[in-house]
Amino acid sequence: VTLKCIPAMAVGCTMVLKPSEIAPLSSIVFSEIMDAVGLPAGVYNMVNGDGPGVGTQLSGHPDVDMVSFTGSTRAGALITKNAADTVKRVSLELGGKGANIIYADADDKAVKRGVLHCMQNSGQSCNAPTRMLVERPVYDQAVETAAEVAKSIKVGPADKEGRHIGPVVSELQYGKIQDMIQKGIDEGARLVAGGLGRPDGLNRGYYVRPTVFADVSNDMAIAQQEIFGPVLSIIPFDTEEQALEMANDTVYGLTNYVQTQDHAKANRAARVLRSGMVEINGTSRGAGAPFGGYKQSGSGREGGVWGLDDFLEVKSVSGWVE
């Protein structure tokens, strides 16, 4: 929300925010803050509603000059089509299927770091590293470590004290995740942690067991489709070229990750990977760096000066006044 609303208002736009109909509370709090600071009436507006109803009206309305959307690739495509009749600008931050390449010379904490990042926010992050590509000499150890880390992650209510992950956002999302876990089992991937159903001690709610599959091939559904849940696929590779080819072999291109102590290898990967962001050895992007992806992960960028540009027009004025 802040990566859209604040840049839009900073460059002088009036705007309408339509938050997620499933999780609108943070947007409501943001709206209360905007009201408290005394913005002129009509500069910032919020309208609640679902995508097919309110979202369709906003994206197709002739008085709306630009749409900035974060959500699924399917919804982003529908918004783009709906906006086409009025030829408005559309900026999209969509899905991802990030590859985390673990070379044999990666640091000792690389696998643990990757698992925790994948499971963060119960896996509901578009830039989660959900495919762990591991070089063959360290593959067995990586699988063992990943399983141990996943099994150690606690799951519970959001208001529970201590470190843990909470439920996923809805019954629909819970069902989709369960379906994908079943697909992984049916496709022959080796389940080494988690699996179907809720964690022990939780017999209600949308809680998902942190799940790790090993011996995954990159053409399996669990390696190609965004699951948006705490599910990790581990895939072995033998050569640098094979790893980079597999990392790029997806319709998504948001964030990819590289773990190696070889500077030249890291630089080669950063150049070859077809994604809007590449993070090396656990270092996240800095403040003011652009956030956004290639391919079906979206168009446009958020953050820094790039996040301002999407809300601006370019005008060329020539001539003179005597």
Protein backbone atom coordinates (compact mmCIF):
# COMPACT_ATOMS: atom_id res chain seq x y z
CA VAL A 1 0.00 0.00 0.00
CA THR A 2 2.69 2.51 0.97
CA LEU A 3 4.74 1.75 -2.16
CA LYS A 4 1.75 2.86 -4.23
CA CYS A 5 -0.06 5.54 -2.24
CA ILE A 6 2.88 7.58 -1.00
CA PRO A 7 4.65 7.93 -4.40
CA ALA A 8 1.34 8.78 -6.10
CA MET A 9 0.57 11.57 -3.64
CA ALA A 10 4.19 12.74 -3.50
CA VAL A 11 4.14 13.61 -7.21
CA GLY A 12 0.75 15.32 -6.99
CA CYS A 13 -1.77 12.65 -7.98
CA THR A 14 -5.19 12.16 -6.51
CA MET A 15 -5.89 8.50 -5.95
CA VAL A 16 -8.29 5.73 -5.00
CA LEU A 17 -7.07 2.72 -3.02
CA LYS A 18 -8.97 -0.56 -3.30
CA PRO A 19 -7.49 -2.91 -0.71
CA SER A 20 -7.73 -6.68 -0.69
CA GLU A 21 -11.24 -7.71 0.24
CA ILE A 22 -9.73 -10.56 2.26
CA ALA A 23 -7.21 -8.53 4.28
CA PRO A 24 -8.23 -4.84 4.32
CA LEU A 25 -7.40 -3.91 7.92
CA SER A 26 -3.92 -2.45 7.33
CA SER A 27 -5.35 -0.28 4.55
CA ILE A 28 -8.09 0.94 6.88
CA VAL A 29 -5.46 1.95 9.44
CA PHE A 30 -3.48 3.68 6.67
CA SER A 31 -6.62 5.58 5.68
CA GLU A 32 -7.12 6.71 9.26
CA ILE A 33 -3.55 8.05 9.26
CA MET A 34 -4.15 9.92 6.01
CA ASP A 35 -7.26 11.49 7.52
CA ALA A 36 -5.41 12.42 10.72
CA VAL A 37 -2.65 14.31 8.89
CA GLY A 38 -5.24 16.56 7.26
CA LEU A 39 -4.97 15.79 3.56
CA PRO A 40 -7.38 17.87 1.47
CA ALA A 41 -10.65 16.07 0.81
CA GLY A 42 -10.53 13.96 -2.34
CA VAL A 43 -6.74 13.63 -2.61
CA TYR A 44 -6.72 10.19 -0.99
CA ASN A 45 -9.74 7.90 -1.19
CA MET A 46 -10.39 4.28 -0.28
CA VAL A 47 -13.15 2.05 -1.65
CA ASN A 48 -13.72 -1.46 -0.30
CA GLY A 49 -15.04 -4.23 -2.51
CA ASP A 50 -14.07 -7.26 -4.55
CA GLY A 51 -12.01 -7.40 -7.71
CA PRO A 52 -14.74 -8.33 -10.22
CA GLY A 53 -16.97 -5.55 -8.89
CA VAL A 54 -15.03 -2.53 -7.67
CA GLY A 55 -11.71 -3.47 -9.29
CA THR A 56 -13.28 -3.83 -12.71
CA GLN A 57 -15.03 -0.47 -12.41
CA LEU A 58 -11.82 1.30 -11.43
CA SER A 59 -9.55 -0.29 -14.05
CA GLY A 60 -12.01 0.40 -16.87
CA HIS A 61 -13.15 3.89 -15.87
CA PRO A 62 -12.18 6.65 -18.35
CA ASP A 63 -11.36 9.12 -15.56
CA VAL A 64 -8.73 6.80 -14.10
CA ASP A 65 -5.42 7.54 -15.84
CA MET A 66 -3.28 4.83 -14.30
CA VAL A 67 -3.68 1.56 -12.38
CA SER A 68 -1.04 0.13 -10.04
CA PHE A 69 -1.90 -3.43 -8.98
CA THR A 70 -0.35 -6.05 -6.72
CA GLY A 71 -1.80 -9.56 -6.83
CA SER A 72 -1.93 -12.73 -8.87
CA THR A 73 -0.77 -12.98 -12.47
CA ARG A 74 -4.26 -14.07 -13.49
CA ALA A 75 -5.84 -10.97 -11.94
CA GLY A 76 -3.13 -8.75 -13.43
CA ALA A 77 -3.90 -10.05 -16.92
CA LEU A 78 -7.62 -9.37 -16.44
CA ILE A 79 -6.92 -5.82 -15.24
CA THR A 80 -4.68 -5.17 -18.24
CA LYS A 81 -7.39 -6.35 -20.63
CA ASN A 82 -10.05 -4.28 -18.87
CA ALA A 83 -7.84 -1.18 -18.96
CA ALA A 84 -7.04 -1.58 -22.66
CA ASP A 85 -10.23 0.09 -23.92
CA THR A 86 -9.18 3.38 -22.31
CA VAL A 87 -5.47 2.83 -23.12
CA LYS A 88 -4.45 3.66 -19.57
CA ARG A 89 -1.07 2.91 -18.06
CA VAL A 90 -0.93 -0.25 -15.93
CA SER A 91 1.84 -1.13 -13.46
CA LEU A 92 1.78 -4.71 -12.21
CA GLU A 93 3.52 -6.49 -9.34
CA LEU A 94 2.43 -10.10 -9.72
CA GLY A 95 3.47 -13.64 -8.92
CA GLY A 96 6.84 -15.31 -8.65
CA LYS A 97 8.58 -18.66 -8.45
CA GLY A 98 11.99 -17.62 -7.19
CA ALA A 99 14.97 -19.93 -7.59
CA ASN A 100 17.56 -20.08 -4.82
CA ILE A 101 20.77 -21.47 -6.32
CA ILE A 102 22.92 -23.17 -3.67
CA TYR A 103 26.40 -23.82 -5.06
CA ALA A 104 28.72 -26.29 -3.36
CA ASP A 105 30.83 -23.43 -1.98
CA ALA A 106 27.87 -21.64 -0.36
CA ASP A 107 28.20 -20.58 3.27
CA ASP A 108 27.07 -22.97 6.01
CA LYS A 109 23.86 -21.06 6.76
CA ALA A 110 22.67 -20.74 3.16
CA VAL A 111 20.20 -23.64 3.25
CA LYS A 112 18.70 -22.67 6.62
CA ARG A 113 18.42 -19.07 5.47
CA GLY A 114 16.64 -20.16 2.30
CA VAL A 115 14.12 -22.35 4.11
CA LEU A 116 13.24 -19.64 6.63
CA HIS A 117 12.86 -17.08 3.84
CA CYS A 118 10.56 -19.42 1.92
CA MET A 119 8.35 -20.04 4.97
CA GLN A 120 8.28 -16.40 6.08
CA ASN A 121 4.74 -14.95 6.25
CA SER A 122 3.50 -18.54 5.86
CA GLY A 123 4.92 -18.56 2.33
CA GLN A 124 2.59 -15.76 1.22
CA SER A 125 5.27 -13.64 -0.46
CA CYS A 126 5.55 -13.18 -4.21
CA ASN A 127 9.36 -13.11 -3.97
CA ALA A 128 9.69 -16.20 -1.76
CA PRO A 129 12.56 -18.52 -2.83
CA THR A 130 10.32 -21.55 -3.33
CA ARG A 131 12.68 -23.51 -5.62
CA MET A 132 15.99 -24.47 -4.02
CA LEU A 133 18.45 -25.60 -6.70
CA VAL A 134 21.33 -27.42 -5.02
CA GLU A 135 24.65 -28.50 -6.54
CA ARG A 136 24.96 -32.29 -6.47
CA PRO A 137 27.97 -32.65 -4.07
CA VAL A 138 26.06 -30.92 -1.24
CA TYR A 139 22.54 -32.02 -2.23
CA ASP A 140 21.96 -34.78 0.34
CA GLN A 141 23.15 -32.60 3.20
CA ALA A 142 21.01 -29.70 1.98
CA VAL A 143 17.90 -31.91 1.90
CA GLU A 144 18.59 -33.11 5.44
CA THR A 145 19.15 -29.57 6.72
CA ALA A 146 16.08 -28.19 4.95
CA ALA A 147 13.88 -30.91 6.45
CA GLU A 148 15.23 -30.25 9.95
CA VAL A 149 14.67 -26.50 9.65
CA ALA A 150 11.12 -26.92 8.32
CA LYS A 151 10.23 -29.34 11.10
CA SER A 152 11.53 -26.86 13.69
CA ILE A 153 9.23 -24.05 12.51
CA LYS A 154 6.32 -23.52 14.88
CA VAL A 155 2.83 -22.73 13.59
CA GLY A 156 0.13 -20.99 15.62
CA PRO A 157 -2.26 -18.06 16.04
CA ALA A 158 -0.98 -14.60 15.21
CA ASP A 159 -1.46 -13.38 18.79
CA LYS A 160 0.55 -16.23 20.26
CA GLU A 161 3.79 -15.29 22.02
CA GLY A 162 7.11 -16.36 20.50
CA ARG A 163 8.51 -17.05 17.04
CA HIS A 164 6.13 -18.87 14.72
CA ILE A 165 4.22 -18.55 11.46
CA GLY A 166 0.46 -18.06 11.34
CA PRO A 167 -2.38 -19.24 9.12
CA VAL A 168 -2.77 -18.50 5.44
CA VAL A 169 -5.22 -15.83 4.39
CA SER A 170 -8.39 -17.77 3.52
CA GLU A 171 -10.12 -21.11 3.17
CA LEU A 172 -9.74 -20.86 -0.60
CA GLN A 173 -5.98 -20.37 -0.33
CA TYR A 174 -5.69 -23.20 2.19
CA GLY A 175 -7.45 -25.52 -0.24
CA LYS A 176 -5.18 -24.49 -3.13
CA ILE A 177 -2.07 -25.21 -1.06
CA GLN A 178 -3.39 -28.63 -0.03
CA ASP A 179 -4.11 -29.40 -3.69
CA MET A 180 -0.55 -28.47 -4.68
CA ILE A 181 0.96 -30.61 -1.91
CA GLN A 182 -1.12 -33.52 -3.18
CA LYS A 183 0.11 -32.82 -6.73
CA GLY A 184 3.70 -32.97 -5.52
CA ILE A 185 3.04 -36.35 -3.93
CA ASP A 186 1.27 -37.61 -7.05
CA GLU A 187 4.09 -36.41 -9.32
CA GLY A 188 6.61 -38.48 -7.38
CA ALA A 189 8.49 -35.83 -5.42
CA ARG A 190 9.93 -37.08 -2.11
CA LEU A 191 8.19 -35.53 0.89
CA VAL A 192 10.79 -34.91 3.61
CA ALA A 193 8.89 -32.50 5.88
CA GLY A 194 5.30 -31.44 6.42
CA GLY A 195 2.59 -32.65 4.10
CA LEU A 196 -1.17 -32.61 3.95
CA GLY A 197 -3.41 -31.34 6.72
CA ARG A 198 -2.88 -29.06 9.67
CA PRO A 199 0.04 -29.13 12.11
CA ASP A 200 -0.34 -31.24 15.23
CA GLY A 201 -2.51 -29.58 17.86
CA LEU A 202 -4.39 -27.37 15.38
CA ASN A 203 -7.69 -28.92 14.33
CA ARG A 204 -9.26 -25.78 12.87
CA GLY A 205 -8.15 -22.68 11.03
CA TYR A 206 -6.15 -22.25 7.82
CA TYR A 207 -2.85 -23.53 9.21
CA VAL A 208 -0.45 -25.27 6.82
CA ARG A 209 2.40 -27.58 7.77
CA PRO A 210 5.79 -26.21 6.61
CA THR A 211 6.43 -28.59 3.73
CA VAL A 212 9.60 -29.60 1.89
CA PHE A 213 9.81 -31.78 -1.22
CA ALA A 214 13.11 -33.27 -2.43
CA ASP A 215 14.03 -34.93 -5.73
CA VAL A 216 11.80 -32.49 -7.60
CA SER A 217 12.20 -32.00 -11.34
CA ASN A 218 11.75 -28.51 -12.72
CA ASP A 219 8.83 -29.53 -14.94
CA MET A 220 6.65 -30.62 -12.01
CA ALA A 221 3.66 -28.45 -11.12
CA ILE A 222 5.10 -27.68 -7.67
CA ALA A 223 8.21 -26.26 -9.37
CA GLN A 224 6.35 -24.22 -11.98
CA GLN A 225 3.19 -22.87 -10.34
CA GLU A 226 3.11 -20.25 -7.62
CA ILE A 227 1.74 -21.99 -4.52
CA PHE A 228 1.70 -18.96 -2.18
CA GLY A 229 2.14 -21.12 0.88
CA PRO A 230 4.94 -22.65 3.00
CA VAL A 231 6.02 -25.24 0.43
CA LEU A 232 9.63 -25.65 -0.78
CA SER A 233 10.84 -27.71 -3.74
CA ILE A 234 14.48 -28.91 -3.78
CA ILE A 235 16.03 -29.71 -7.16
CA PRO A 236 19.56 -31.05 -7.78
CA PHE A 237 21.87 -29.72 -10.49
CA ASP A 238 25.28 -30.71 -11.84
CA THR A 239 26.61 -27.66 -13.71
CA GLU A 240 26.39 -23.90 -13.46
CA GLU A 241 24.76 -23.73 -16.88
CA GLN A 242 22.10 -26.25 -15.86
CA ALA A 243 21.29 -24.29 -12.69
CA LEU A 244 20.85 -21.01 -14.54
CA GLU A 245 18.77 -22.64 -17.26
CA MET A 246 16.42 -24.18 -14.68
CA ALA A 247 16.18 -20.94 -12.73
CA ASN A 248 15.02 -19.14 -15.88
CA ASP A 249 12.73 -21.97 -17.00
CA THR A 250 9.50 -20.52 -15.60
CA VAL A 251 6.96 -17.95 -16.73
CA TYR A 252 7.89 -15.81 -13.73
CA GLY A 253 10.83 -13.48 -13.20
CA LEU A 254 10.53 -11.56 -9.94
CA THR A 255 13.42 -12.45 -7.61
CA ASN A 256 16.14 -15.08 -7.86
CA TYR A 257 18.80 -15.87 -5.26
CA VAL A 258 22.42 -16.99 -5.49
CA GLN A 259 24.56 -18.52 -2.72
CA THR A 260 28.28 -18.80 -3.52
CA GLN A 261 31.65 -17.52 -2.33
CA ASP A 262 32.88 -17.19 -5.92
CA HIS A 263 32.57 -13.55 -7.02
CA ALA A 264 32.81 -14.36 -10.73
CA LYS A 265 30.14 -17.05 -10.47
CA ALA A 266 27.81 -14.70 -8.60
CA ASN A 267 28.32 -11.97 -11.21
CA ARG A 268 27.65 -14.39 -14.07
CA ALA A 269 24.42 -15.48 -12.43
CA ALA A 270 23.30 -11.89 -11.83
CA ARG A 271 23.75 -11.15 -15.55
CA VAL A 272 22.06 -14.30 -16.84
CA LEU A 273 19.08 -14.61 -14.49
CA ARG A 274 15.90 -13.25 -16.08
CA SER A 275 14.40 -11.55 -13.06
CA GLY A 276 13.86 -8.01 -11.89
CA MET A 277 15.86 -8.68 -8.73
CA VAL A 278 18.80 -10.91 -7.83
CA GLU A 279 19.92 -11.27 -4.21
CA ILE A 280 23.32 -12.76 -3.40
CA ASN A 281 24.29 -14.51 -0.15
CA GLY A 282 21.32 -13.31 1.87
CA THR A 283 21.73 -9.62 1.11
CA SER A 284 18.41 -7.95 0.39
CA ARG A 285 17.90 -4.94 -1.85
CA GLY A 286 18.75 -1.58 -0.34
CA ALA A 287 16.35 1.24 0.45
CA GLY A 288 15.43 3.05 -2.74
CA ALA A 289 16.21 0.09 -5.01
CA PRO A 290 13.53 -0.85 -7.57
CA PHE A 291 11.10 -3.69 -6.82
CA GLY A 292 9.47 -5.49 -9.74
CA GLY A 293 9.83 -8.32 -12.19
CA TYR A 294 10.19 -9.63 -15.73
CA LYS A 295 7.86 -11.82 -17.77
CA GLN A 296 4.60 -12.75 -16.03
CA SER A 297 5.81 -11.30 -12.73
CA GLY A 298 4.68 -7.89 -13.91
CA SER A 299 5.66 -4.57 -15.41
CA GLY A 300 6.77 -1.30 -13.91
CA ARG A 301 8.74 -0.82 -10.71
CA GLU A 302 8.05 0.24 -7.14
CA GLY A 303 10.55 1.95 -4.87
CA GLY A 304 13.06 4.76 -5.39
CA VAL A 305 12.79 7.12 -8.34
CA TRP A 306 11.35 4.27 -10.43
CA GLY A 307 8.34 4.17 -8.14
CA LEU A 308 7.70 7.85 -8.82
CA ASP A 309 8.04 7.59 -12.60
CA ASP A 310 4.99 5.34 -13.00
CA PHE A 311 2.79 8.14 -11.66
CA LEU A 312 4.26 10.87 -13.88
CA GLU A 313 3.79 11.93 -17.49
CA VAL A 314 6.55 13.23 -19.76
CA LYS A 315 5.92 16.47 -21.62
CA SER A 316 8.17 18.10 -24.19
CA VAL A 317 7.76 21.88 -24.64
CA SER A 318 9.56 23.72 -27.44
CA GLY A 319 9.48 27.29 -28.76
CA TRP A 320 10.19 30.73 -27.39
CA VAL A 321 8.40 33.86 -26.21
CA GLU A 322 9.50 37.26 -27.52
